[in-house]
N, C-alpha and C. Protein backbone atom coordinates (compact mmCIF):
# COMPACT_ATOMS: atom_id res chain seq x y z
N MET A 1 126.52 86.05 90.00
CA MET A 1 126.11 86.99 89.01
C MET A 1 124.76 86.59 88.44
N LYS A 2 124.01 87.54 87.90
CA LYS A 2 122.68 87.28 87.37
C LYS A 2 122.79 86.43 86.11
N ALA A 3 121.96 85.40 86.01
CA ALA A 3 121.96 84.56 84.82
C ALA A 3 121.51 85.37 83.62
N ALA A 4 122.08 85.04 82.46
CA ALA A 4 121.78 85.81 81.24
C ALA A 4 120.31 85.71 80.87
N ASP A 5 119.67 84.58 81.17
CA ASP A 5 118.27 84.41 80.78
C ASP A 5 117.30 84.91 81.84
N GLU A 6 117.79 85.43 82.94
CA GLU A 6 116.94 85.93 84.01
C GLU A 6 116.54 87.37 83.70
N SER A 7 115.25 87.63 83.70
CA SER A 7 114.76 88.98 83.39
C SER A 7 115.03 89.92 84.57
N PRO A 8 115.10 91.23 84.29
CA PRO A 8 115.25 92.18 85.40
C PRO A 8 114.09 92.06 86.39
N GLN A 9 112.89 91.78 85.88
CA GLN A 9 111.73 91.63 86.77
C GLN A 9 111.94 90.48 87.74
N ALA A 10 112.40 89.32 87.23
CA ALA A 10 112.62 88.15 88.08
C ALA A 10 113.74 88.41 89.08
N ALA A 11 114.83 89.01 88.62
CA ALA A 11 115.98 89.27 89.51
C ALA A 11 115.60 90.27 90.61
N PHE A 12 114.89 91.34 90.22
CA PHE A 12 114.50 92.35 91.21
C PHE A 12 113.46 91.77 92.16
N SER A 13 112.56 90.95 91.65
CA SER A 13 111.57 90.29 92.49
C SER A 13 112.25 89.43 93.55
N GLN A 14 113.27 88.68 93.12
CA GLN A 14 114.00 87.83 94.06
C GLN A 14 114.73 88.69 95.10
N PHE A 15 115.32 89.80 94.66
CA PHE A 15 115.99 90.72 95.58
C PHE A 15 115.01 91.25 96.62
N VAL A 16 113.84 91.74 96.15
CA VAL A 16 112.83 92.30 97.06
C VAL A 16 112.33 91.22 98.02
N ARG A 17 112.14 90.00 97.52
CA ARG A 17 111.69 88.89 98.37
C ARG A 17 112.68 88.66 99.50
N GLN A 18 113.98 88.67 99.20
CA GLN A 18 114.99 88.47 100.23
C GLN A 18 114.97 89.59 101.25
N VAL A 19 114.79 90.82 100.79
CA VAL A 19 114.76 91.97 101.70
C VAL A 19 113.51 91.91 102.58
N VAL A 20 112.38 91.59 101.99
CA VAL A 20 111.12 91.49 102.74
C VAL A 20 111.23 90.37 103.78
N ASP A 21 111.75 89.22 103.37
CA ASP A 21 111.91 88.10 104.30
C ASP A 21 112.84 88.46 105.45
N HIS A 22 113.92 89.15 105.13
CA HIS A 22 114.86 89.57 106.17
C HIS A 22 114.19 90.55 107.14
N ALA A 23 113.44 91.50 106.62
CA ALA A 23 112.74 92.47 107.47
C ALA A 23 111.73 91.75 108.37
N ARG A 24 111.07 90.74 107.83
CA ARG A 24 110.11 89.96 108.63
C ARG A 24 110.84 89.18 109.72
N ASP A 25 111.92 88.50 109.34
CA ASP A 25 112.65 87.66 110.29
C ASP A 25 113.39 88.47 111.36
N GLU A 26 114.04 89.56 110.94
CA GLU A 26 114.87 90.32 111.86
C GLU A 26 114.12 91.41 112.62
N ARG A 27 113.13 92.02 111.98
CA ARG A 27 112.43 93.15 112.60
C ARG A 27 110.97 92.85 112.92
N GLY A 28 110.49 91.71 112.44
CA GLY A 28 109.10 91.36 112.69
C GLY A 28 108.11 92.17 111.87
N TRP A 29 108.56 92.74 110.76
CA TRP A 29 107.71 93.61 109.95
C TRP A 29 106.87 92.82 108.95
N THR A 30 105.63 93.25 108.81
CA THR A 30 104.78 92.77 107.73
C THR A 30 105.05 93.65 106.52
N VAL A 31 104.43 93.32 105.39
CA VAL A 31 104.59 94.17 104.21
C VAL A 31 104.02 95.56 104.50
N THR A 32 102.95 95.64 105.27
CA THR A 32 102.38 96.94 105.64
C THR A 32 103.37 97.75 106.47
N ASP A 33 104.02 97.11 107.45
CA ASP A 33 105.03 97.80 108.25
C ASP A 33 106.19 98.26 107.37
N LEU A 34 106.63 97.37 106.50
CA LEU A 34 107.74 97.69 105.61
C LEU A 34 107.38 98.88 104.73
N ALA A 35 106.18 98.89 104.19
CA ALA A 35 105.74 100.00 103.34
C ALA A 35 105.73 101.32 104.13
N ALA A 36 105.28 101.26 105.37
CA ALA A 36 105.24 102.48 106.18
C ALA A 36 106.65 103.00 106.49
N HIS A 37 107.57 102.10 106.80
CA HIS A 37 108.94 102.52 107.14
C HIS A 37 109.74 102.98 105.93
N THR A 38 109.44 102.42 104.76
CA THR A 38 110.22 102.75 103.57
C THR A 38 109.55 103.84 102.72
N ARG A 39 108.30 104.15 103.05
CA ARG A 39 107.51 105.13 102.27
C ARG A 39 107.32 104.70 100.83
N VAL A 40 107.27 103.39 100.63
CA VAL A 40 106.94 102.80 99.33
C VAL A 40 105.60 102.11 99.56
N GLY A 41 104.62 102.42 98.75
CA GLY A 41 103.28 101.88 98.94
C GLY A 41 103.22 100.35 98.94
N ARG A 42 102.26 99.82 99.68
CA ARG A 42 102.07 98.36 99.74
C ARG A 42 101.89 97.78 98.35
N SER A 43 101.08 98.44 97.54
CA SER A 43 100.82 97.91 96.20
C SER A 43 102.10 97.89 95.37
N THR A 44 102.95 98.89 95.57
CA THR A 44 104.23 98.91 94.85
C THR A 44 105.11 97.75 95.31
N VAL A 45 105.18 97.53 96.62
CA VAL A 45 105.97 96.42 97.14
C VAL A 45 105.45 95.10 96.56
N PHE A 46 104.14 94.92 96.54
CA PHE A 46 103.57 93.69 95.98
C PHE A 46 103.85 93.56 94.48
N ARG A 47 103.82 94.68 93.75
CA ARG A 47 104.16 94.63 92.31
C ARG A 47 105.62 94.23 92.14
N TRP A 48 106.49 94.80 92.97
CA TRP A 48 107.91 94.44 92.90
C TRP A 48 108.10 92.95 93.23
N LEU A 49 107.39 92.46 94.24
CA LEU A 49 107.49 91.05 94.61
C LEU A 49 107.02 90.13 93.48
N ALA A 50 105.99 90.56 92.77
CA ALA A 50 105.43 89.75 91.69
C ALA A 50 106.20 89.92 90.38
N GLY A 51 107.09 90.90 90.33
CA GLY A 51 107.79 91.18 89.07
C GLY A 51 106.84 91.76 88.05
N ASP A 52 105.79 92.41 88.54
CA ASP A 52 104.71 92.93 87.70
C ASP A 52 104.95 94.40 87.37
N TRP A 53 105.91 94.65 86.49
CA TRP A 53 106.17 96.00 86.04
C TRP A 53 106.79 95.95 84.66
N HIS A 54 106.48 96.97 83.88
CA HIS A 54 107.02 97.05 82.52
C HIS A 54 108.09 98.13 82.43
N ASP A 55 107.84 99.25 83.11
CA ASP A 55 108.85 100.31 83.19
C ASP A 55 109.64 100.09 84.48
N TYR A 56 110.90 100.43 84.44
CA TYR A 56 111.73 100.24 85.63
C TYR A 56 111.15 101.00 86.81
N PRO A 57 111.31 100.43 88.02
CA PRO A 57 110.85 101.14 89.22
C PRO A 57 111.54 102.49 89.34
N GLU A 58 110.84 103.43 89.96
CA GLU A 58 111.44 104.75 90.18
C GLU A 58 112.66 104.57 91.06
N LEU A 59 113.79 105.07 90.58
CA LEU A 59 115.03 104.89 91.33
C LEU A 59 114.98 105.57 92.69
N ALA A 60 114.24 106.67 92.80
CA ALA A 60 114.11 107.34 94.11
C ALA A 60 113.41 106.42 95.11
N LYS A 61 112.39 105.70 94.64
CA LYS A 61 111.68 104.76 95.53
C LYS A 61 112.59 103.60 95.91
N VAL A 62 113.35 103.11 94.94
CA VAL A 62 114.26 102.01 95.22
C VAL A 62 115.32 102.45 96.24
N ARG A 63 115.85 103.66 96.04
CA ARG A 63 116.84 104.18 96.99
C ARG A 63 116.25 104.30 98.40
N GLY A 64 115.05 104.88 98.50
CA GLY A 64 114.39 105.03 99.80
C GLY A 64 114.13 103.69 100.47
N PHE A 65 113.69 102.72 99.67
CA PHE A 65 113.43 101.37 100.15
C PHE A 65 114.71 100.77 100.75
N CYS A 66 115.79 100.88 100.00
CA CYS A 66 117.07 100.30 100.44
C CYS A 66 117.63 101.03 101.66
N GLU A 67 117.59 102.35 101.64
CA GLU A 67 118.14 103.13 102.75
C GLU A 67 117.39 102.85 104.05
N ALA A 68 116.08 102.73 103.98
CA ALA A 68 115.29 102.48 105.19
C ALA A 68 115.57 101.10 105.78
N LEU A 69 116.04 100.18 104.93
CA LEU A 69 116.28 98.82 105.39
C LEU A 69 117.77 98.48 105.50
N ASP A 70 118.62 99.51 105.38
CA ASP A 70 120.07 99.32 105.47
C ASP A 70 120.59 98.29 104.47
N VAL A 71 120.09 98.37 103.25
CA VAL A 71 120.50 97.48 102.17
C VAL A 71 121.26 98.34 101.15
N PRO A 72 122.40 97.88 100.66
CA PRO A 72 123.13 98.67 99.67
C PRO A 72 122.29 98.86 98.40
N VAL A 73 122.11 100.09 98.01
CA VAL A 73 121.29 100.39 96.83
C VAL A 73 121.90 99.78 95.57
N VAL A 74 123.22 99.63 95.55
CA VAL A 74 123.84 99.04 94.37
C VAL A 74 123.38 97.60 94.15
N ALA A 75 123.03 96.90 95.23
CA ALA A 75 122.52 95.54 95.09
C ALA A 75 121.18 95.55 94.36
N ALA A 76 120.34 96.53 94.67
CA ALA A 76 119.05 96.66 93.97
C ALA A 76 119.28 97.03 92.51
N PHE A 77 120.20 97.97 92.27
CA PHE A 77 120.49 98.38 90.90
C PHE A 77 121.03 97.21 90.10
N TRP A 78 121.88 96.42 90.73
CA TRP A 78 122.43 95.26 90.04
C TRP A 78 121.32 94.28 89.69
N ALA A 79 120.41 94.04 90.64
CA ALA A 79 119.29 93.13 90.37
C ALA A 79 118.44 93.64 89.21
N LEU A 80 118.34 94.95 89.10
CA LEU A 80 117.58 95.55 87.99
C LEU A 80 118.35 95.52 86.68
N GLY A 81 119.61 95.09 86.75
CA GLY A 81 120.42 95.07 85.54
C GLY A 81 121.02 96.43 85.23
N LEU A 82 121.16 97.27 86.26
CA LEU A 82 121.69 98.63 86.09
C LEU A 82 123.00 98.80 86.85
N PRO A 83 124.03 98.05 86.52
CA PRO A 83 125.27 98.20 87.30
C PRO A 83 125.91 99.57 87.15
N ASP A 84 125.56 100.29 86.11
CA ASP A 84 126.13 101.62 85.90
C ASP A 84 125.18 102.72 86.35
N ALA A 85 124.22 102.41 87.22
CA ALA A 85 123.23 103.39 87.65
C ALA A 85 123.74 104.26 88.79
N LEU A 86 125.03 104.24 89.02
CA LEU A 86 125.61 105.08 90.05
C LEU A 86 125.87 106.46 89.48
N PRO A 87 126.02 107.47 90.32
CA PRO A 87 126.22 108.83 89.83
C PRO A 87 127.40 108.96 88.88
N VAL A 88 127.23 109.79 87.87
CA VAL A 88 128.30 110.03 86.90
C VAL A 88 129.44 110.74 87.63
N GLY A 89 130.67 110.39 87.29
CA GLY A 89 131.82 111.04 87.90
C GLY A 89 132.24 110.44 89.22
N GLN A 90 131.68 109.30 89.57
CA GLN A 90 132.05 108.69 90.85
C GLN A 90 133.49 108.18 90.79
N SER A 91 134.07 107.99 91.93
CA SER A 91 135.45 107.54 92.00
C SER A 91 135.56 106.06 91.65
N ASP A 92 136.76 105.65 91.32
CA ASP A 92 137.01 104.23 91.05
C ASP A 92 136.70 103.38 92.26
N ARG A 93 136.92 103.95 93.45
CA ARG A 93 136.64 103.22 94.69
C ARG A 93 135.15 102.90 94.81
N ARG A 94 134.29 103.86 94.47
CA ARG A 94 132.84 103.61 94.53
C ARG A 94 132.43 102.59 93.50
N ARG A 95 133.03 102.64 92.30
CA ARG A 95 132.70 101.66 91.27
C ARG A 95 133.13 100.27 91.74
N ALA A 96 134.31 100.18 92.35
CA ALA A 96 134.78 98.90 92.88
C ALA A 96 133.83 98.39 93.97
N ALA A 97 133.35 99.30 94.80
CA ALA A 97 132.39 98.92 95.85
C ALA A 97 131.10 98.40 95.22
N ALA A 98 130.66 99.02 94.14
CA ALA A 98 129.44 98.56 93.45
C ALA A 98 129.65 97.17 92.87
N GLU A 99 130.82 96.95 92.28
CA GLU A 99 131.10 95.63 91.72
C GLU A 99 131.20 94.59 92.83
N ASP A 100 131.76 94.98 93.97
CA ASP A 100 131.86 94.08 95.11
C ASP A 100 130.46 93.73 95.62
N ALA A 101 129.58 94.73 95.66
CA ALA A 101 128.20 94.49 96.10
C ALA A 101 127.50 93.51 95.16
N SER A 102 127.80 93.60 93.87
CA SER A 102 127.23 92.66 92.91
C SER A 102 127.71 91.25 93.21
N SER A 103 128.98 91.12 93.52
CA SER A 103 129.55 89.82 93.86
C SER A 103 128.91 89.29 95.14
N VAL A 104 128.74 90.16 96.11
CA VAL A 104 128.12 89.77 97.38
C VAL A 104 126.68 89.31 97.14
N ALA A 105 125.96 90.05 96.29
CA ALA A 105 124.58 89.68 95.99
C ALA A 105 124.51 88.28 95.39
N ALA A 106 125.46 87.96 94.51
CA ALA A 106 125.49 86.62 93.92
C ALA A 106 125.76 85.57 94.99
N ASP A 107 126.70 85.87 95.90
CA ASP A 107 126.99 84.93 96.99
C ASP A 107 125.77 84.72 97.88
N VAL A 108 125.08 85.80 98.18
CA VAL A 108 123.88 85.71 99.04
C VAL A 108 122.81 84.87 98.35
N ARG A 109 122.63 85.06 97.05
CA ARG A 109 121.64 84.25 96.32
C ARG A 109 122.01 82.78 96.36
N THR A 110 123.30 82.47 96.24
CA THR A 110 123.75 81.08 96.30
C THR A 110 123.46 80.49 97.68
N ILE A 111 123.76 81.24 98.71
CA ILE A 111 123.50 80.78 100.08
C ILE A 111 122.01 80.57 100.29
N MET A 112 121.20 81.54 99.86
CA MET A 112 119.75 81.43 100.02
C MET A 112 119.21 80.21 99.28
N ALA A 113 119.75 79.93 98.10
CA ALA A 113 119.30 78.77 97.33
C ALA A 113 119.63 77.48 98.08
N ARG A 114 120.81 77.41 98.69
CA ARG A 114 121.18 76.22 99.45
C ARG A 114 120.28 76.04 100.66
N LEU A 115 119.95 77.14 101.32
CA LEU A 115 119.08 77.05 102.50
C LEU A 115 117.66 76.65 102.12
N ALA A 116 117.23 77.01 100.92
CA ALA A 116 115.88 76.69 100.49
C ALA A 116 115.78 75.32 99.80
N ASP A 117 116.91 74.75 99.44
CA ASP A 117 116.93 73.48 98.70
C ASP A 117 116.59 72.31 99.62
N PRO A 118 115.49 71.59 99.34
CA PRO A 118 115.12 70.47 100.20
C PRO A 118 116.12 69.30 100.14
N ALA A 119 116.97 69.27 99.13
CA ALA A 119 117.95 68.19 99.00
C ALA A 119 119.17 68.41 99.90
N VAL A 120 119.33 69.63 100.41
CA VAL A 120 120.47 69.91 101.30
C VAL A 120 120.12 69.41 102.70
N PRO A 121 121.00 68.62 103.30
CA PRO A 121 120.72 68.08 104.64
C PRO A 121 120.52 69.19 105.68
N VAL A 122 119.67 68.91 106.65
CA VAL A 122 119.37 69.87 107.71
C VAL A 122 120.64 70.27 108.45
N ALA A 123 121.53 69.31 108.68
CA ALA A 123 122.78 69.61 109.40
C ALA A 123 123.62 70.63 108.63
N GLU A 124 123.66 70.50 107.31
CA GLU A 124 124.43 71.47 106.52
C GLU A 124 123.78 72.85 106.56
N LYS A 125 122.45 72.89 106.50
CA LYS A 125 121.74 74.17 106.60
C LYS A 125 122.03 74.83 107.94
N GLN A 126 122.04 74.04 109.00
CA GLN A 126 122.32 74.59 110.33
C GLN A 126 123.74 75.11 110.40
N LEU A 127 124.68 74.39 109.77
CA LEU A 127 126.07 74.84 109.74
C LEU A 127 126.18 76.18 109.00
N ILE A 128 125.49 76.32 107.89
CA ILE A 128 125.50 77.59 107.13
C ILE A 128 124.96 78.71 108.01
N ARG A 129 123.83 78.47 108.67
CA ARG A 129 123.25 79.50 109.54
C ARG A 129 124.19 79.87 110.69
N ASP A 130 124.81 78.86 111.30
CA ASP A 130 125.74 79.11 112.40
C ASP A 130 126.93 79.95 111.93
N MET A 131 127.44 79.62 110.75
CA MET A 131 128.58 80.37 110.22
C MET A 131 128.18 81.81 109.92
N LEU A 132 126.99 82.00 109.38
CA LEU A 132 126.52 83.36 109.09
C LEU A 132 126.36 84.16 110.39
N ARG A 133 125.79 83.54 111.42
CA ARG A 133 125.65 84.23 112.70
C ARG A 133 127.01 84.59 113.28
N HIS A 134 127.96 83.65 113.18
CA HIS A 134 129.31 83.91 113.68
C HIS A 134 129.93 85.10 112.95
N LEU A 135 129.81 85.11 111.63
CA LEU A 135 130.38 86.21 110.86
C LEU A 135 129.68 87.53 111.16
N ALA A 136 128.39 87.49 111.38
CA ALA A 136 127.63 88.72 111.67
C ALA A 136 128.03 89.32 113.01
N ARG A 137 128.46 88.48 113.95
CA ARG A 137 128.83 88.98 115.28
C ARG A 137 130.28 89.41 115.38
N ARG A 138 131.08 89.16 114.35
CA ARG A 138 132.49 89.56 114.40
C ARG A 138 132.61 91.07 114.48
N PRO A 139 133.63 91.54 115.18
CA PRO A 139 133.83 93.00 115.25
C PRO A 139 134.15 93.55 113.86
N ASP A 140 133.91 94.81 113.69
CA ASP A 140 134.16 95.48 112.42
C ASP A 140 135.64 95.38 112.10
N SER A 141 135.98 94.74 111.01
CA SER A 141 137.39 94.53 110.64
C SER A 141 138.02 95.76 110.02
N THR A 142 137.24 96.82 109.78
CA THR A 142 137.82 98.03 109.20
C THR A 142 138.52 98.87 110.25
N ARG A 143 138.25 98.58 111.53
CA ARG A 143 138.96 99.30 112.59
C ARG A 143 140.38 98.78 112.66
N THR A 144 141.30 99.68 112.81
CA THR A 144 142.69 99.25 112.92
C THR A 144 143.05 99.14 114.39
N THR A 145 143.91 98.20 114.65
CA THR A 145 144.40 98.05 116.03
C THR A 145 145.80 98.60 116.07
N GLN A 146 146.19 99.03 117.24
CA GLN A 146 147.50 99.62 117.42
C GLN A 146 148.53 98.49 117.47
N PRO A 147 149.60 98.56 116.65
CA PRO A 147 150.62 97.51 116.69
C PRO A 147 151.22 97.40 118.09
N ALA A 148 151.63 96.20 118.46
CA ALA A 148 152.17 95.95 119.79
C ALA A 148 153.39 96.82 120.07
N SER A 149 154.18 97.11 119.05
CA SER A 149 155.40 97.89 119.26
C SER A 149 155.11 99.34 119.63
N THR A 150 153.92 99.85 119.33
CA THR A 150 153.62 101.25 119.64
C THR A 150 152.73 101.40 120.86
N ARG A 151 152.32 100.29 121.46
CA ARG A 151 151.47 100.37 122.65
C ARG A 151 152.30 100.86 123.82
N THR A 152 151.65 101.62 124.67
CA THR A 152 152.34 102.06 125.88
C THR A 152 152.05 101.05 126.97
N THR A 153 153.01 100.82 127.79
CA THR A 153 152.80 99.87 128.88
C THR A 153 152.47 100.63 130.14
N GLN A 154 151.63 100.03 130.96
CA GLN A 154 151.22 100.62 132.22
C GLN A 154 151.63 99.67 133.34
N PRO A 155 151.87 100.21 134.52
CA PRO A 155 152.14 99.31 135.64
C PRO A 155 150.97 98.37 135.87
N ALA A 156 151.25 97.17 136.32
CA ALA A 156 150.21 96.16 136.52
C ALA A 156 149.10 96.65 137.43
N SER A 157 149.42 97.51 138.36
CA SER A 157 148.40 97.97 139.31
C SER A 157 147.39 98.89 138.66
N THR A 158 147.71 99.46 137.48
CA THR A 158 146.76 100.38 136.85
C THR A 158 146.13 99.81 135.59
N ARG A 159 146.65 98.68 135.08
CA ARG A 159 146.04 98.07 133.89
C ARG A 159 144.75 97.39 134.27
N THR A 160 143.80 97.38 133.33
CA THR A 160 142.54 96.68 133.57
C THR A 160 142.40 95.55 132.57
N ALA A 161 141.56 94.58 132.87
CA ALA A 161 141.37 93.41 132.03
C ALA A 161 140.82 93.81 130.67
N ARG A 162 139.92 94.73 130.62
CA ARG A 162 139.35 95.22 129.37
C ARG A 162 138.79 96.60 129.63
N PRO A 163 138.58 97.39 128.60
CA PRO A 163 138.06 98.74 128.81
C PRO A 163 136.75 98.71 129.60
N GLY A 164 136.65 99.56 130.57
CA GLY A 164 135.43 99.64 131.39
C GLY A 164 135.43 98.70 132.57
N SER A 165 136.40 97.79 132.63
CA SER A 165 136.45 96.82 133.71
C SER A 165 137.16 97.44 134.91
N THR A 166 136.77 97.06 136.11
CA THR A 166 137.42 97.57 137.32
C THR A 166 138.43 96.57 137.86
N ARG A 167 138.49 95.40 137.29
CA ARG A 167 139.41 94.36 137.74
C ARG A 167 140.80 94.66 137.19
N THR A 168 141.82 94.55 138.02
CA THR A 168 143.18 94.79 137.55
C THR A 168 143.81 93.50 137.10
N VAL A 169 144.75 93.63 136.19
CA VAL A 169 145.46 92.47 135.67
C VAL A 169 146.81 92.40 136.38
N ARG A 170 147.13 91.28 136.93
CA ARG A 170 148.41 91.09 137.62
C ARG A 170 149.46 90.63 136.61
N ALA A 171 150.63 91.22 136.72
CA ALA A 171 151.73 90.79 135.86
C ALA A 171 152.19 89.42 136.32
N PRO A 172 152.50 88.53 135.37
CA PRO A 172 152.95 87.19 135.78
C PRO A 172 154.29 87.25 136.49
N SER A 173 154.48 86.35 137.44
CA SER A 173 155.75 86.26 138.17
C SER A 173 156.77 85.62 137.28
N VAL A 174 157.97 86.13 137.34
CA VAL A 174 159.04 85.57 136.50
C VAL A 174 160.03 84.83 137.35
């Protein structure tokens, strides 16, 4: 969660820095590329990075910035100190999702701080990165699988090892 003494400018600046760094690392984008893809001007991105603003950023620009980079907009709103900046009348589920995004943002900041901390051993940093890569490659857990009791069985001659495979699976001899 955001520290009580952290200003919205500092928190949003840190959020934008993480997003910009991720876009650079994952997509190879410069700030100019990022500005072109998000339709947020370079100078605006640099002001956000510097925390150089007195009035809150235009929420439409923040939304566009987040949407273009596949970042949850609630994370940006939370960094701005606007946890209630979601549409009026939203469901409890959306509010819970916003609160979850806030929790995730705090976890991400903690991880980023550990990776940036020179006192953390290189081996531990590598372990954190490996774990993050492993988690990122996991299949979507929201998909449900069919319980074994409801699966239909096929003769061994027609079953395949995996979808799309042409190799047949032989039933074990009993």
